[in-house]
Amino acid sequence: MDKINITKDIRYVGVNDHKIELFEGQYHVPHGMSYNSYLVIDDLVVVVDSVDKHFATEWIDNIRLQLKGRKVDYLIINHMEPDHSGSILELVKAYPAVALVGNMMTFKMFDQFFPNNHAQHRLIVKDGEELDLEHHKFHFLTAPNVHWPEVMFTYDSYDKVLFSADAFGKFGTLDFNEDWVDEARRYYFGIVGKYGKNVLQSLIKVGTKEIKAICPLHGPVLQTGLDFYLQKYLDWASYKADTKGTLIAVSSVYGNTLNVANKLQKKLKAKGEAVEIVDLNTCDMAKAIALAFSYDKLVCASITYNADIFPSMRQFLDGLISRNYCNRRVGFIENGTWAPLASKVMQLYLERSTNIEKLSTVTIKSSVYNEADLDNLVSELIK
């Protein structure tokens, strides 16, 4: 894809946000964010999705530049979250005759975000229905909770293009070139990860279609290697690991717990295990959570803190559990100078997850631990 043309009839008219620091108020986006919108020019003109309200003028200018005086006939609303719906009324002002296309829940949310609006031209569609232009036929596929309940995908059977809402999205602007997987995984498990079952159901609908391009609401248009991206989503939605190996997630204060974690990493590497350490006190938490889903094994290493676990470990485990962390093997390292309790607490947290095999615990008292316990944990992890 060049900057504008996806197919002969489909143009990119979205925007890049280089100033945003926190997406949804919690995800660090050092390379910004794209808000994607698409223009389909047929006998009638269709815009697919809007952009954040702060970019309304730029978005309308992008559309006008491509249309050269033509009018917009339809706006398809695949997702009502404000970063995608915020500029809808600006489009209505620019093109008063435009018909808004969405499902019943779309318009329920629309009237909540925009009370007393003047957008009276509405086309309410159901799952499986279509909008037939002269050449392009748009098929609407409901995709609830991917990641809001009103979400739908739109499939253009003429150009074989799937407009996938937030699915297949990633962090970063379109002018920032990087590998798709890491930031798409961080995005997926941060934004959609809890709803794997819903993602799978939506992908089953998509699987019946021939797809030549995927146009998400964030990140690049995907036009080559589509089997790879579809398989990644199937794996993530099924909570399958990307990597056979171990993530060691550490909450340490004076370095003694981190020191034992480093020794564990060294021993695992010597056995040929893929292994990575994240310091939960300093790393991006969304990245740590995504990495935990990436590996098939996890070691949680925390000090005992107020007869509990350190706050960064609590945030990490809460993040995993709220995103349906499951189907993993988990070991533990705890530290406590007088009453080590961290392993007990971490295991209680993980009782809220499903299909977690709990491995053994290495207990540190200040800086002292049993080397045989560490070797035993190594043996369990490399089984």
Protein backbone atom coordinates (compact mmCIF):
# COMPACT_ATOMS: atom_id res chain seq x y z
CA MET A 1 0.00 0.00 0.00
CA ASP A 2 1.22 3.51 -0.69
CA LYS A 3 0.14 6.28 1.67
CA ILE A 4 -3.29 6.68 0.06
CA ASN A 5 -4.28 3.83 -2.25
CA ILE A 6 -5.21 0.39 -0.91
CA THR A 7 -7.05 -0.70 -4.04
CA LYS A 8 -8.20 1.25 -7.09
CA ASP A 9 -11.36 2.31 -5.24
CA ILE A 10 -10.30 2.24 -1.58
CA ARG A 11 -8.23 5.10 -0.15
CA TYR A 12 -6.72 5.67 3.26
CA VAL A 13 -7.92 8.92 4.84
CA GLY A 14 -6.87 8.39 8.46
CA VAL A 15 -4.48 10.41 10.63
CA ASN A 16 -1.38 9.98 12.80
CA ASP A 17 -1.28 11.18 16.40
CA HIS A 18 2.34 11.96 17.31
CA LYS A 19 1.54 13.84 20.53
CA ILE A 20 -0.34 11.21 22.51
CA GLU A 21 1.66 9.72 25.38
CA LEU A 22 -0.90 7.40 27.01
CA PHE A 23 -3.44 5.56 24.89
CA GLU A 24 -6.72 5.02 26.75
CA GLY A 25 -5.06 6.71 29.71
CA GLN A 26 -2.82 3.72 30.50
CA TYR A 27 -0.83 2.34 27.55
CA HIS A 28 2.48 4.03 26.82
CA VAL A 29 2.76 4.78 23.11
CA PRO A 30 6.23 6.29 22.54
CA HIS A 31 5.68 6.07 18.80
CA GLY A 32 2.19 7.57 18.81
CA MET A 33 -1.01 6.14 17.41
CA SER A 34 -2.84 6.04 14.11
CA TYR A 35 -6.59 6.51 13.82
CA ASN A 36 -7.54 4.82 10.60
CA SER A 37 -10.40 5.71 8.28
CA TYR A 38 -11.07 4.55 4.76
CA LEU A 39 -12.83 5.97 1.71
CA VAL A 40 -14.52 3.75 -0.88
CA ILE A 41 -15.34 5.48 -4.15
CA ASP A 42 -17.99 3.74 -6.26
CA ASP A 43 -21.12 5.11 -7.92
CA LEU A 44 -21.82 6.10 -4.35
CA VAL A 45 -19.18 7.16 -1.80
CA VAL A 46 -18.64 5.36 1.50
CA VAL A 47 -16.44 6.38 4.42
CA VAL A 48 -15.52 3.58 6.82
CA ASP A 49 -15.08 4.85 10.40
CA SER A 50 -14.15 8.22 11.80
CA VAL A 51 -11.20 9.47 13.87
CA ASP A 52 -10.50 11.13 17.21
CA LYS A 53 -12.21 14.51 17.52
CA HIS A 54 -8.89 16.36 17.81
CA PHE A 55 -8.14 15.42 14.20
CA ALA A 56 -11.55 16.16 12.70
CA THR A 57 -10.34 19.00 10.47
CA GLU A 58 -7.42 16.99 9.09
CA TRP A 59 -9.71 14.01 8.49
CA ILE A 60 -12.35 16.04 6.62
CA ASP A 61 -9.58 17.65 4.55
CA ASN A 62 -8.23 14.19 3.66
CA ILE A 63 -11.67 13.14 2.46
CA ARG A 64 -12.30 16.30 0.46
CA LEU A 65 -8.91 16.02 -1.22
CA GLN A 66 -9.80 12.58 -2.52
CA LEU A 67 -13.40 13.32 -3.51
CA LYS A 68 -12.73 16.44 -5.61
CA GLY A 69 -16.20 17.85 -5.02
CA ARG A 70 -18.19 14.62 -4.71
CA LYS A 71 -20.40 14.03 -1.69
CA VAL A 72 -20.25 11.29 0.94
CA ASP A 73 -23.29 9.02 0.81
CA TYR A 74 -22.62 6.63 3.71
CA LEU A 75 -20.49 6.48 6.85
CA ILE A 76 -20.07 2.94 8.20
CA ILE A 77 -19.51 2.93 11.96
CA ASN A 78 -17.76 -0.28 12.99
CA HIS A 79 -16.89 0.92 16.49
CA MET A 80 -18.24 3.71 18.68
CA GLU A 81 -15.24 4.26 20.93
CA PRO A 82 -14.41 7.99 20.87
CA ASP A 83 -11.04 7.59 19.14
CA HIS A 84 -13.04 6.27 16.17
CA SER A 85 -16.35 8.08 16.48
CA GLY A 86 -15.26 11.46 17.77
CA SER A 87 -15.48 13.25 14.43
CA ILE A 88 -18.76 11.83 13.12
CA LEU A 89 -20.75 15.00 13.66
CA GLU A 90 -18.10 16.98 11.79
CA LEU A 91 -18.69 14.73 8.80
CA VAL A 92 -22.44 15.25 9.14
CA LYS A 93 -21.89 19.01 9.12
CA ALA A 94 -19.72 18.76 6.02
CA TYR A 95 -22.07 16.34 4.23
CA PRO A 96 -25.58 16.76 5.73
CA ALA A 97 -27.15 14.09 3.52
CA VAL A 98 -24.77 11.34 4.68
CA ALA A 99 -26.44 8.20 6.02
CA LEU A 100 -24.88 6.64 9.10
CA VAL A 101 -24.64 2.83 8.99
CA GLY A 102 -24.47 0.78 12.18
CA ASN A 103 -26.30 -1.77 14.30
CA MET A 104 -28.88 -1.18 17.02
CA MET A 105 -26.26 -0.97 19.75
CA THR A 106 -24.15 1.38 17.63
CA PHE A 107 -26.92 3.94 17.63
CA LYS A 108 -27.77 3.43 21.29
CA MET A 109 -24.18 4.40 22.08
CA PHE A 110 -24.24 7.13 19.44
CA ASP A 111 -27.12 8.87 21.17
CA GLN A 112 -25.30 8.60 24.49
CA PHE A 113 -22.10 10.14 23.14
CA PHE A 114 -23.95 12.72 21.04
CA PRO A 115 -27.26 13.63 22.73
CA ASN A 116 -29.43 16.07 20.82
CA ASN A 117 -27.48 15.39 17.63
CA HIS A 118 -28.85 16.19 14.19
CA ALA A 119 -27.73 13.03 12.41
CA GLN A 120 -31.14 11.78 11.33
CA HIS A 121 -30.15 9.66 8.32
CA ARG A 122 -29.54 6.19 9.74
CA LEU A 123 -29.34 2.73 8.28
CA ILE A 124 -29.59 0.03 10.94
CA VAL A 125 -28.04 -3.27 9.86
CA LYS A 126 -27.99 -6.74 11.38
CA ASP A 127 -25.41 -9.50 11.34
CA GLY A 128 -25.08 -10.90 7.81
CA GLU A 129 -26.89 -8.06 6.06
CA GLU A 130 -25.29 -6.13 3.24
CA LEU A 131 -25.15 -2.71 1.63
CA ASP A 132 -25.10 -3.05 -2.15
CA LEU A 133 -23.42 -0.34 -4.21
CA GLU A 134 -22.94 -0.61 -7.95
CA HIS A 135 -19.79 -2.73 -7.62
CA HIS A 136 -18.91 -2.92 -3.95
CA LYS A 137 -21.06 -4.98 -1.62
CA PHE A 138 -20.48 -4.45 2.09
CA HIS A 139 -21.32 -7.39 4.35
CA PHE A 140 -21.73 -6.64 8.06
CA LEU A 141 -20.46 -9.17 10.59
CA THR A 142 -21.16 -8.47 14.25
CA ALA A 143 -18.06 -8.93 16.44
CA PRO A 144 -19.27 -8.25 19.99
CA ASN A 145 -16.62 -7.50 22.60
CA VAL A 146 -13.82 -7.22 20.09
CA HIS A 147 -13.57 -5.13 22.12
CA TRP A 148 -16.87 -3.25 22.83
CA PRO A 149 -20.26 -5.01 22.52
CA GLU A 150 -21.41 -2.98 19.48
CA VAL A 151 -18.35 -3.76 17.34
CA MET A 152 -18.84 -5.11 13.86
CA PHE A 153 -16.57 -5.98 10.95
CA THR A 154 -17.36 -4.86 7.40
CA TYR A 155 -16.34 -7.04 4.46
CA ASP A 156 -16.17 -5.66 0.93
CA SER A 157 -16.77 -8.65 -1.35
CA TYR A 158 -15.74 -6.71 -4.48
CA ASP A 159 -12.16 -5.93 -3.43
CA LYS A 160 -12.04 -8.75 -0.83
CA VAL A 161 -11.17 -6.30 1.94
CA LEU A 162 -11.98 -6.79 5.62
CA PHE A 163 -12.48 -3.64 7.69
CA SER A 164 -11.70 -5.23 11.04
CA ALA A 165 -12.39 -2.50 13.63
CA ASP A 166 -9.89 -2.86 16.50
CA ALA A 167 -8.94 -6.41 15.54
CA PHE A 168 -5.47 -6.72 13.97
CA GLY A 169 -4.57 -3.27 15.27
CA LYS A 170 -1.31 -2.22 16.88
CA PHE A 171 0.28 0.69 18.69
CA GLY A 172 2.35 3.24 16.74
CA THR A 173 1.77 5.69 13.91
CA LEU A 174 1.86 4.58 10.30
CA ASP A 175 5.10 6.46 9.68
CA PHE A 176 6.86 4.45 12.38
CA ASN A 177 8.24 1.31 10.80
CA GLU A 178 8.67 -1.70 13.08
CA ASP A 179 7.88 -5.37 13.39
CA TRP A 180 4.14 -5.92 13.70
CA VAL A 181 4.08 -8.74 16.25
CA ASP A 182 5.36 -7.14 19.47
CA GLU A 183 3.19 -4.03 19.39
CA ALA A 184 0.19 -5.93 17.99
CA ARG A 185 0.50 -8.46 20.83
CA ARG A 186 0.80 -5.70 23.42
CA TYR A 187 -2.24 -4.03 21.86
CA TYR A 188 -4.24 -7.27 21.63
CA PHE A 189 -3.74 -8.42 25.21
CA GLY A 190 -4.15 -4.90 26.57
CA ILE A 191 -7.29 -4.02 24.63
CA VAL A 192 -9.01 -7.26 23.62
CA GLY A 193 -7.28 -10.07 25.54
CA LYS A 194 -10.07 -10.86 27.98
CA TYR A 195 -12.46 -11.78 25.17
CA GLY A 196 -10.67 -14.63 23.41
CA LYS A 197 -13.89 -16.61 22.99
CA ASN A 198 -15.54 -13.67 21.23
CA VAL A 199 -12.51 -13.17 19.00
CA LEU A 200 -12.60 -16.83 17.97
CA GLN A 201 -16.31 -16.62 17.13
CA SER A 202 -15.68 -13.53 15.01
CA LEU A 203 -12.76 -15.16 13.23
CA ILE A 204 -14.98 -18.11 12.34
CA LYS A 205 -17.23 -15.69 10.45
CA VAL A 206 -14.21 -14.11 8.78
CA GLY A 207 -12.83 -17.52 7.84
CA THR A 208 -15.59 -18.04 5.31
CA LYS A 209 -14.43 -15.02 3.28
CA GLU A 210 -11.63 -14.61 0.76
CA ILE A 211 -9.48 -11.79 2.13
CA LYS A 212 -6.88 -9.83 0.19
CA ALA A 213 -6.41 -7.00 2.69
CA ILE A 214 -7.20 -6.31 6.35
CA CYS A 215 -7.89 -2.68 7.24
CA PRO A 216 -7.80 -2.20 11.02
CA LEU A 217 -8.60 0.93 12.98
CA HIS A 218 -5.03 1.21 14.28
CA GLY A 219 -1.78 0.30 12.61
CA PRO A 220 -0.89 -0.68 9.07
CA VAL A 221 -3.14 -2.15 6.41
CA LEU A 222 -2.19 -5.83 6.07
CA GLN A 223 -1.98 -6.99 2.46
CA THR A 224 0.67 -9.72 2.36
CA GLY A 225 1.20 -12.79 4.53
CA LEU A 226 -2.38 -12.68 5.77
CA ASP A 227 -2.30 -16.31 6.90
CA PHE A 228 0.39 -15.33 9.41
CA TYR A 229 -1.71 -12.54 10.94
CA LEU A 230 -4.85 -14.64 11.03
CA GLN A 231 -2.96 -17.50 12.71
CA LYS A 232 -1.51 -15.12 15.29
CA TYR A 233 -5.00 -13.96 16.20
CA LEU A 234 -6.24 -17.54 16.39
CA ASP A 235 -3.36 -18.42 18.72
CA TRP A 236 -3.80 -15.34 20.91
CA ALA A 237 -7.55 -15.82 21.13
CA SER A 238 -6.94 -19.44 22.14
CA TYR A 239 -4.35 -18.31 24.73
CA LYS A 240 -1.61 -20.32 23.05
CA ALA A 241 1.98 -19.27 23.67
CA ASP A 242 4.13 -17.80 20.90
CA THR A 243 7.33 -19.11 22.49
CA LYS A 244 8.27 -22.24 24.41
CA GLY A 245 10.23 -20.73 27.24
CA THR A 246 10.06 -18.87 30.53
CA LEU A 247 9.33 -15.29 31.48
CA ILE A 248 10.66 -14.30 34.91
CA ALA A 249 8.69 -11.36 36.29
CA VAL A 250 10.46 -9.71 39.24
CA SER A 251 9.39 -7.27 41.96
CA SER A 252 12.56 -6.56 43.95
CA VAL A 253 13.57 -3.65 46.18
CA TYR A 254 17.17 -4.13 47.36
CA GLY A 255 18.25 -6.47 44.58
CA ASN A 256 18.34 -9.80 46.42
CA THR A 257 15.23 -11.18 44.73
CA LEU A 258 16.44 -9.92 41.37
CA ASN A 259 19.82 -11.56 42.01
CA VAL A 260 18.19 -14.99 42.44
CA ALA A 261 16.04 -14.38 39.36
CA ASN A 262 19.20 -13.65 37.38
CA LYS A 263 20.73 -16.90 38.62
CA LEU A 264 17.58 -18.75 37.56
CA GLN A 265 17.84 -17.17 34.13
CA LYS A 266 21.48 -18.26 33.82
CA LYS A 267 20.68 -21.84 34.80
CA LEU A 268 17.76 -22.03 32.36
CA LYS A 269 19.84 -20.64 29.51
CA ALA A 270 22.49 -23.25 30.25
CA LYS A 271 19.79 -25.88 29.68
CA GLY A 272 18.88 -24.33 26.32
CA GLU A 273 15.69 -22.68 27.56
CA ALA A 274 14.42 -19.45 26.00
CA VAL A 275 14.15 -17.09 28.97
CA GLU A 276 13.56 -13.40 29.59
CA ILE A 277 13.46 -11.24 32.72
CA VAL A 278 11.21 -8.23 33.25
CA ASP A 279 11.63 -5.85 36.18
CA LEU A 280 8.06 -5.03 37.09
CA ASN A 281 9.10 -1.91 38.98
CA THR A 282 10.50 -0.20 35.89
CA CYS A 283 9.14 -1.87 32.76
CA ASP A 284 6.02 -0.98 30.80
CA MET A 285 3.34 -3.09 32.51
CA ALA A 286 1.39 -3.68 29.30
CA LYS A 287 4.54 -5.10 27.72
CA ALA A 288 5.17 -7.35 30.73
CA ILE A 289 1.61 -8.69 30.54
CA ALA A 290 1.89 -9.32 26.79
CA LEU A 291 5.20 -11.14 27.32
CA ALA A 292 3.59 -13.37 29.94
CA PHE A 293 1.05 -14.46 27.34
CA SER A 294 3.84 -14.89 24.81
CA TYR A 295 5.74 -17.51 26.85
CA ASP A 296 4.32 -20.87 27.92
CA LYS A 297 5.87 -20.67 31.40
CA LEU A 298 6.13 -17.94 34.01
CA VAL A 299 8.08 -17.42 37.21
CA CYS A 300 6.71 -14.78 39.60
CA ALA A 301 9.41 -13.41 41.92
CA SER A 302 8.31 -10.98 44.62
CA ILE A 303 9.32 -9.77 48.03
CA THR A 304 6.85 -10.05 50.88
CA TYR A 305 5.43 -6.60 51.49
CA ASN A 306 3.00 -5.77 54.30
CA ALA A 307 2.22 -9.50 54.59
CA ASP A 308 1.27 -9.37 50.91
CA ILE A 309 3.18 -8.94 47.63
CA PHE A 310 4.91 -5.90 46.24
CA PRO A 311 2.51 -3.48 44.46
CA SER A 312 4.07 -3.97 41.02
CA MET A 313 3.57 -7.75 41.28
CA ARG A 314 -0.02 -7.21 42.38
CA GLN A 315 -0.63 -4.97 39.36
CA PHE A 316 0.99 -7.55 37.08
CA LEU A 317 -1.10 -10.45 38.38
CA ASP A 318 -4.29 -8.40 38.32
CA GLY A 319 -3.51 -7.52 34.71
CA LEU A 320 -3.00 -11.16 33.78
CA ILE A 321 -6.10 -12.44 35.53
CA SER A 322 -8.37 -9.71 34.16
CA ARG A 323 -7.23 -10.75 30.67
CA ASN A 324 -8.02 -14.43 31.23
CA TYR A 325 -4.47 -15.72 31.76
CA CYS A 326 -4.66 -19.52 31.48
CA ASN A 327 -3.06 -22.70 30.18
CA ARG A 328 0.37 -21.99 31.68
CA ARG A 329 2.91 -23.45 34.12
CA VAL A 330 3.98 -21.04 36.87
CA GLY A 331 6.81 -21.18 39.40
CA PHE A 332 7.54 -18.85 42.30
CA ILE A 333 10.36 -17.03 44.03
CA GLU A 334 9.55 -15.29 47.30
CA ASN A 335 11.61 -13.21 49.70
CA GLY A 336 10.92 -12.33 53.32
CA THR A 337 13.36 -11.45 56.05
CA TRP A 338 11.12 -12.64 58.91
CA ALA A 339 7.88 -14.00 57.41
CA PRO A 340 8.03 -14.89 53.70
CA LEU A 341 4.43 -15.01 52.43
CA ALA A 342 4.70 -13.85 48.82
CA SER A 343 4.40 -17.29 47.22
CA LYS A 344 1.24 -18.08 49.17
CA VAL A 345 -0.31 -14.77 48.12
CA MET A 346 0.70 -15.14 44.45
CA GLN A 347 -0.74 -18.64 44.32
CA LEU A 348 -4.00 -17.37 45.81
CA TYR A 349 -4.15 -14.75 43.05
CA LEU A 350 -3.71 -17.42 40.39
CA GLU A 351 -6.57 -19.49 41.75
CA ARG A 352 -8.74 -17.04 39.82
CA SER A 353 -7.16 -18.31 36.58
CA THR A 354 -7.92 -21.58 34.81
CA ASN A 355 -5.62 -24.45 33.91
CA ILE A 356 -2.58 -23.10 35.79
CA GLU A 357 -0.05 -25.73 36.87
CA LYS A 358 1.69 -24.40 39.95
CA LEU A 359 5.34 -25.33 40.23
CA SER A 360 7.58 -25.15 43.30
CA THR A 361 8.76 -22.15 45.29
CA VAL A 362 12.24 -20.87 45.98
CA THR A 363 12.25 -19.05 49.33
CA ILE A 364 14.80 -16.35 50.01
CA LYS A 365 15.38 -15.05 53.54
CA SER A 366 16.94 -11.65 52.96
CA SER A 367 19.67 -12.94 50.61
CA VAL A 368 19.96 -16.59 51.69
CA TYR A 369 18.28 -19.39 49.74
CA ASN A 370 18.73 -23.09 49.05
CA GLU A 371 20.51 -23.77 45.75
CA ALA A 372 18.84 -27.18 45.55
CA ASP A 373 15.43 -25.47 45.52
CA LEU A 374 16.51 -23.33 42.60
CA ASP A 375 17.79 -26.38 40.71
CA ASN A 376 14.49 -28.15 41.40
CA LEU A 377 12.56 -25.24 39.89
CA VAL A 378 14.84 -25.35 36.85
CA SER A 379 14.08 -29.06 36.41
CA GLU A 380 10.33 -28.43 36.62
CA LEU A 381 10.47 -25.59 34.08
CA ILE A 382 12.40 -27.53 31.44
CA LYS A 383 10.25 -30.69 31.62
